């Protein structure tokens, strides 16, 4: 009762195909693949050069600031009392 055999998985696959139909399963697969592709593209650094993006490296912080990008930094006030 530990793991299922290939026959169990085939029966489950046939039941799922009968319930949803092959066209709907194909559409779900295409949607899932598109979502994964979109996620991977969204994770890429938009300012990295093509060579850097392929190597998986990011631009240095000084380069990002020098390219007139907005840097979101949370500034804290110094208290005048010690």
N, C-alpha and C. Protein backbone atom coordinates (compact mmCIF):
# COMPACT_ATOMS: atom_id res chain seq x y z
N UNK A 1 0.82 -1.19 0.00
CA UNK A 1 0.00 0.00 0.00
C UNK A 1 0.86 1.26 0.00
N UNK A 2 2.18 1.09 -0.09
CA UNK A 2 3.09 2.22 -0.05
C UNK A 2 2.99 3.12 -1.27
N UNK A 3 3.30 2.59 -2.44
CA UNK A 3 3.26 3.40 -3.65
C UNK A 3 2.29 2.78 -4.65
N UNK A 4 1.85 3.62 -5.56
CA UNK A 4 0.91 3.15 -6.56
C UNK A 4 1.66 2.56 -7.75
N UNK A 5 1.09 1.55 -8.37
CA UNK A 5 1.70 0.95 -9.54
C UNK A 5 1.32 1.75 -10.78
N UNK A 6 1.89 1.38 -11.90
CA UNK A 6 1.61 2.07 -13.16
C UNK A 6 0.15 1.92 -13.54
N UNK A 7 -0.46 0.80 -13.18
CA UNK A 7 -1.88 0.58 -13.52
C UNK A 7 -2.78 1.54 -12.76
N UNK A 8 -2.45 1.83 -11.52
CA UNK A 8 -3.24 2.80 -10.76
C UNK A 8 -3.19 4.17 -11.42
N UNK A 9 -1.99 4.60 -11.83
CA UNK A 9 -1.83 5.91 -12.47
C UNK A 9 -2.54 5.96 -13.82
N UNK A 10 -2.52 4.86 -14.57
CA UNK A 10 -3.22 4.83 -15.86
C UNK A 10 -4.73 4.95 -15.66
N UNK A 11 -5.25 4.28 -14.66
CA UNK A 11 -6.69 4.36 -14.38
C UNK A 11 -7.06 5.79 -13.97
N UNK A 12 -6.26 6.42 -13.14
CA UNK A 12 -6.51 7.80 -12.73
C UNK A 12 -6.46 8.73 -13.94
N UNK A 13 -5.49 8.51 -14.82
CA UNK A 13 -5.37 9.33 -16.02
C UNK A 13 -6.59 9.18 -16.92
N UNK A 14 -7.08 7.98 -17.09
CA UNK A 14 -8.27 7.75 -17.92
C UNK A 14 -9.49 8.43 -17.31
N UNK A 15 -9.64 8.34 -16.01
CA UNK A 15 -10.79 8.96 -15.34
C UNK A 15 -10.72 10.48 -15.48
N UNK A 16 -9.54 11.05 -15.29
CA UNK A 16 -9.39 12.50 -15.43
C UNK A 16 -9.69 12.92 -16.88
N UNK A 17 -9.22 12.14 -17.85
CA UNK A 17 -9.48 12.46 -19.26
C UNK A 17 -10.97 12.37 -19.57
N UNK A 18 -11.66 11.41 -18.98
CA UNK A 18 -13.11 11.29 -19.21
C UNK A 18 -13.87 12.45 -18.57
N UNK A 19 -13.45 12.88 -17.41
CA UNK A 19 -14.15 13.96 -16.72
C UNK A 19 -13.91 15.30 -17.40
N UNK A 20 -12.65 15.64 -17.65
CA UNK A 20 -12.33 16.96 -18.16
C UNK A 20 -12.23 17.03 -19.68
N UNK A 21 -11.91 15.95 -20.32
CA UNK A 21 -11.71 15.96 -21.76
C UNK A 21 -10.29 16.34 -22.10
N UNK A 22 -9.78 15.83 -23.20
CA UNK A 22 -8.38 16.07 -23.55
C UNK A 22 -8.12 17.51 -23.94
N UNK A 23 -9.11 18.17 -24.54
CA UNK A 23 -8.90 19.56 -24.96
C UNK A 23 -8.70 20.47 -23.74
N UNK A 24 -9.50 20.26 -22.72
CA UNK A 24 -9.38 21.10 -21.52
C UNK A 24 -8.06 20.83 -20.81
N UNK A 25 -7.63 19.57 -20.77
CA UNK A 25 -6.35 19.24 -20.14
C UNK A 25 -5.21 19.89 -20.92
N UNK A 26 -5.29 19.88 -22.25
CA UNK A 26 -4.27 20.50 -23.09
C UNK A 26 -4.23 22.01 -22.83
N UNK A 27 -5.41 22.63 -22.71
CA UNK A 27 -5.46 24.07 -22.43
C UNK A 27 -4.85 24.41 -21.07
N UNK A 28 -5.13 23.56 -20.08
CA UNK A 28 -4.56 23.79 -18.75
C UNK A 28 -3.05 23.67 -18.80
N UNK A 29 -2.55 22.69 -19.55
CA UNK A 29 -1.10 22.53 -19.70
C UNK A 29 -0.46 23.72 -20.38
N UNK A 30 -1.12 24.24 -21.42
CA UNK A 30 -0.59 25.40 -22.13
C UNK A 30 -0.60 26.63 -21.23
N UNK A 31 -1.66 26.81 -20.46
CA UNK A 31 -1.74 27.94 -19.53
C UNK A 31 -0.66 27.85 -18.45
N UNK A 32 -0.45 26.66 -17.94
CA UNK A 32 0.57 26.47 -16.91
C UNK A 32 1.96 26.74 -17.49
N UNK A 33 2.22 26.26 -18.69
CA UNK A 33 3.51 26.51 -19.33
C UNK A 33 3.73 27.99 -19.59
N UNK A 34 2.69 28.70 -20.02
CA UNK A 34 2.80 30.14 -20.24
C UNK A 34 3.05 30.90 -18.95
N UNK A 35 2.43 30.44 -17.87
CA UNK A 35 2.64 31.09 -16.58
C UNK A 35 4.07 30.90 -16.10
N UNK A 36 4.61 29.70 -16.27
CA UNK A 36 5.99 29.44 -15.86
C UNK A 36 6.95 30.28 -16.71
N UNK A 37 6.70 30.36 -18.00
CA UNK A 37 7.56 31.16 -18.89
C UNK A 37 7.49 32.64 -18.50
N UNK A 38 6.30 33.14 -18.22
CA UNK A 38 6.15 34.53 -17.80
C UNK A 38 6.84 34.80 -16.48
N UNK A 39 6.78 33.84 -15.56
CA UNK A 39 7.45 34.00 -14.28
C UNK A 39 8.96 34.08 -14.46
N UNK A 40 9.51 33.21 -15.30
CA UNK A 40 10.95 33.21 -15.54
C UNK A 40 11.39 34.52 -16.19
N UNK A 41 10.62 35.02 -17.13
CA UNK A 41 10.96 36.29 -17.78
C UNK A 41 10.84 37.45 -16.80
N UNK A 42 9.88 37.37 -15.89
CA UNK A 42 9.71 38.42 -14.89
C UNK A 42 10.84 38.45 -13.87
N UNK A 43 11.49 37.32 -13.66
CA UNK A 43 12.58 37.25 -12.69
C UNK A 43 13.89 37.77 -13.25
N UNK A 44 13.98 37.95 -14.56
CA UNK A 44 15.21 38.46 -15.16
C UNK A 44 15.35 39.94 -14.84
N UNK A 45 16.59 40.41 -14.73
CA UNK A 45 16.87 41.82 -14.48
C UNK A 45 16.66 42.58 -15.78
N UNK A 46 15.73 43.52 -15.82
CA UNK A 46 15.44 44.21 -17.08
C UNK A 46 16.58 45.08 -17.58
N UNK A 47 17.51 45.47 -16.72
CA UNK A 47 18.60 46.34 -17.11
C UNK A 47 19.89 45.60 -17.40
N UNK A 48 19.88 44.28 -17.22
CA UNK A 48 21.09 43.51 -17.48
C UNK A 48 21.32 43.40 -18.98
N UNK A 49 22.58 43.40 -19.35
CA UNK A 49 22.91 43.23 -20.75
C UNK A 49 22.64 41.79 -21.14
N UNK A 50 22.58 41.51 -22.44
CA UNK A 50 22.28 40.16 -22.92
C UNK A 50 23.31 39.16 -22.41
N UNK A 51 24.58 39.51 -22.41
CA UNK A 51 25.62 38.60 -21.92
C UNK A 51 25.49 38.36 -20.43
N UNK A 52 25.13 39.41 -19.69
CA UNK A 52 24.96 39.27 -18.24
C UNK A 52 23.74 38.43 -17.91
N UNK A 53 22.68 38.60 -18.67
CA UNK A 53 21.45 37.84 -18.40
C UNK A 53 21.67 36.36 -18.66
N UNK A 54 22.45 36.05 -19.68
CA UNK A 54 22.71 34.65 -19.99
C UNK A 54 23.61 34.02 -18.92
N UNK A 55 24.52 34.80 -18.37
CA UNK A 55 25.42 34.29 -17.36
C UNK A 55 24.77 34.27 -15.98
N UNK A 56 23.64 34.96 -15.81
CA UNK A 56 22.94 34.97 -14.54
C UNK A 56 23.50 35.98 -13.56
N UNK A 57 24.25 36.98 -14.04
CA UNK A 57 24.81 37.99 -13.16
C UNK A 57 23.99 39.25 -13.23
N UNK A 58 24.03 40.02 -12.16
CA UNK A 58 23.31 41.28 -12.13
C UNK A 58 24.28 42.44 -12.29
N UNK A 59 23.76 43.59 -12.66
CA UNK A 59 24.58 44.79 -12.76
C UNK A 59 24.94 45.24 -11.35
N UNK A 60 26.09 45.86 -11.21
CA UNK A 60 26.53 46.35 -9.91
C UNK A 60 25.62 47.48 -9.45
N UNK A 61 25.42 47.66 -8.14
CA UNK A 61 24.54 48.72 -7.65
C UNK A 61 24.96 50.10 -8.13
N UNK A 62 26.27 50.36 -8.24
CA UNK A 62 26.74 51.67 -8.70
C UNK A 62 26.31 51.91 -10.14
N UNK A 63 26.30 50.88 -10.95
CA UNK A 63 25.87 51.02 -12.33
C UNK A 63 24.39 51.33 -12.41
N UNK A 64 23.60 50.70 -11.54
CA UNK A 64 22.16 50.95 -11.54
C UNK A 64 21.85 52.38 -11.14
N UNK A 65 22.56 52.93 -10.16
CA UNK A 65 22.33 54.30 -9.73
C UNK A 65 22.78 55.27 -10.81
N UNK A 66 23.89 54.96 -11.46
CA UNK A 66 24.44 55.84 -12.48
C UNK A 66 23.54 55.91 -13.71
N UNK A 67 22.68 54.92 -13.90
CA UNK A 67 21.82 54.92 -15.09
C UNK A 67 20.50 55.66 -14.83
N UNK A 68 20.47 56.53 -13.82
CA UNK A 68 19.33 57.40 -13.50
C UNK A 68 18.07 56.63 -13.13
N UNK A 69 18.23 55.51 -12.47
CA UNK A 69 17.07 54.77 -11.99
C UNK A 69 16.67 55.32 -10.63
N UNK A 70 15.41 55.16 -10.30
CA UNK A 70 14.94 55.56 -8.99
C UNK A 70 15.29 54.47 -8.00
N UNK A 71 15.90 54.86 -6.90
CA UNK A 71 16.27 53.91 -5.87
C UNK A 71 15.33 54.13 -4.69
N UNK A 72 14.63 53.10 -4.27
CA UNK A 72 13.70 53.19 -3.17
C UNK A 72 14.43 52.80 -1.90
N UNK A 73 14.72 53.78 -1.08
CA UNK A 73 15.46 53.56 0.15
C UNK A 73 14.65 54.12 1.31
N UNK A 74 14.60 53.37 2.38
CA UNK A 74 13.88 53.83 3.55
C UNK A 74 14.86 54.57 4.45
N UNK A 75 14.72 55.88 4.54
CA UNK A 75 15.64 56.71 5.34
C UNK A 75 15.11 56.84 6.76
N UNK A 76 16.02 56.78 7.71
CA UNK A 76 15.64 56.93 9.11
C UNK A 76 16.28 58.21 9.63
N UNK A 77 15.52 58.91 10.45
CA UNK A 77 16.02 60.16 11.02
C UNK A 77 16.92 59.87 12.20
N UNK A 78 17.96 60.70 12.32
CA UNK A 78 18.83 60.59 13.48
C UNK A 78 18.25 61.45 14.59
N UNK A 79 18.26 60.91 15.76
CA UNK A 79 17.77 61.73 16.89
C UNK A 79 18.92 62.63 17.37
N UNK A 80 18.56 63.83 17.79
CA UNK A 80 19.57 64.80 18.22
C UNK A 80 20.01 64.54 19.65
N UNK A 81 19.28 63.72 20.39
CA UNK A 81 19.66 63.41 21.76
C UNK A 81 20.54 62.18 21.79
N UNK A 82 21.51 62.17 22.65
CA UNK A 82 22.42 61.02 22.73
C UNK A 82 22.12 60.21 23.93
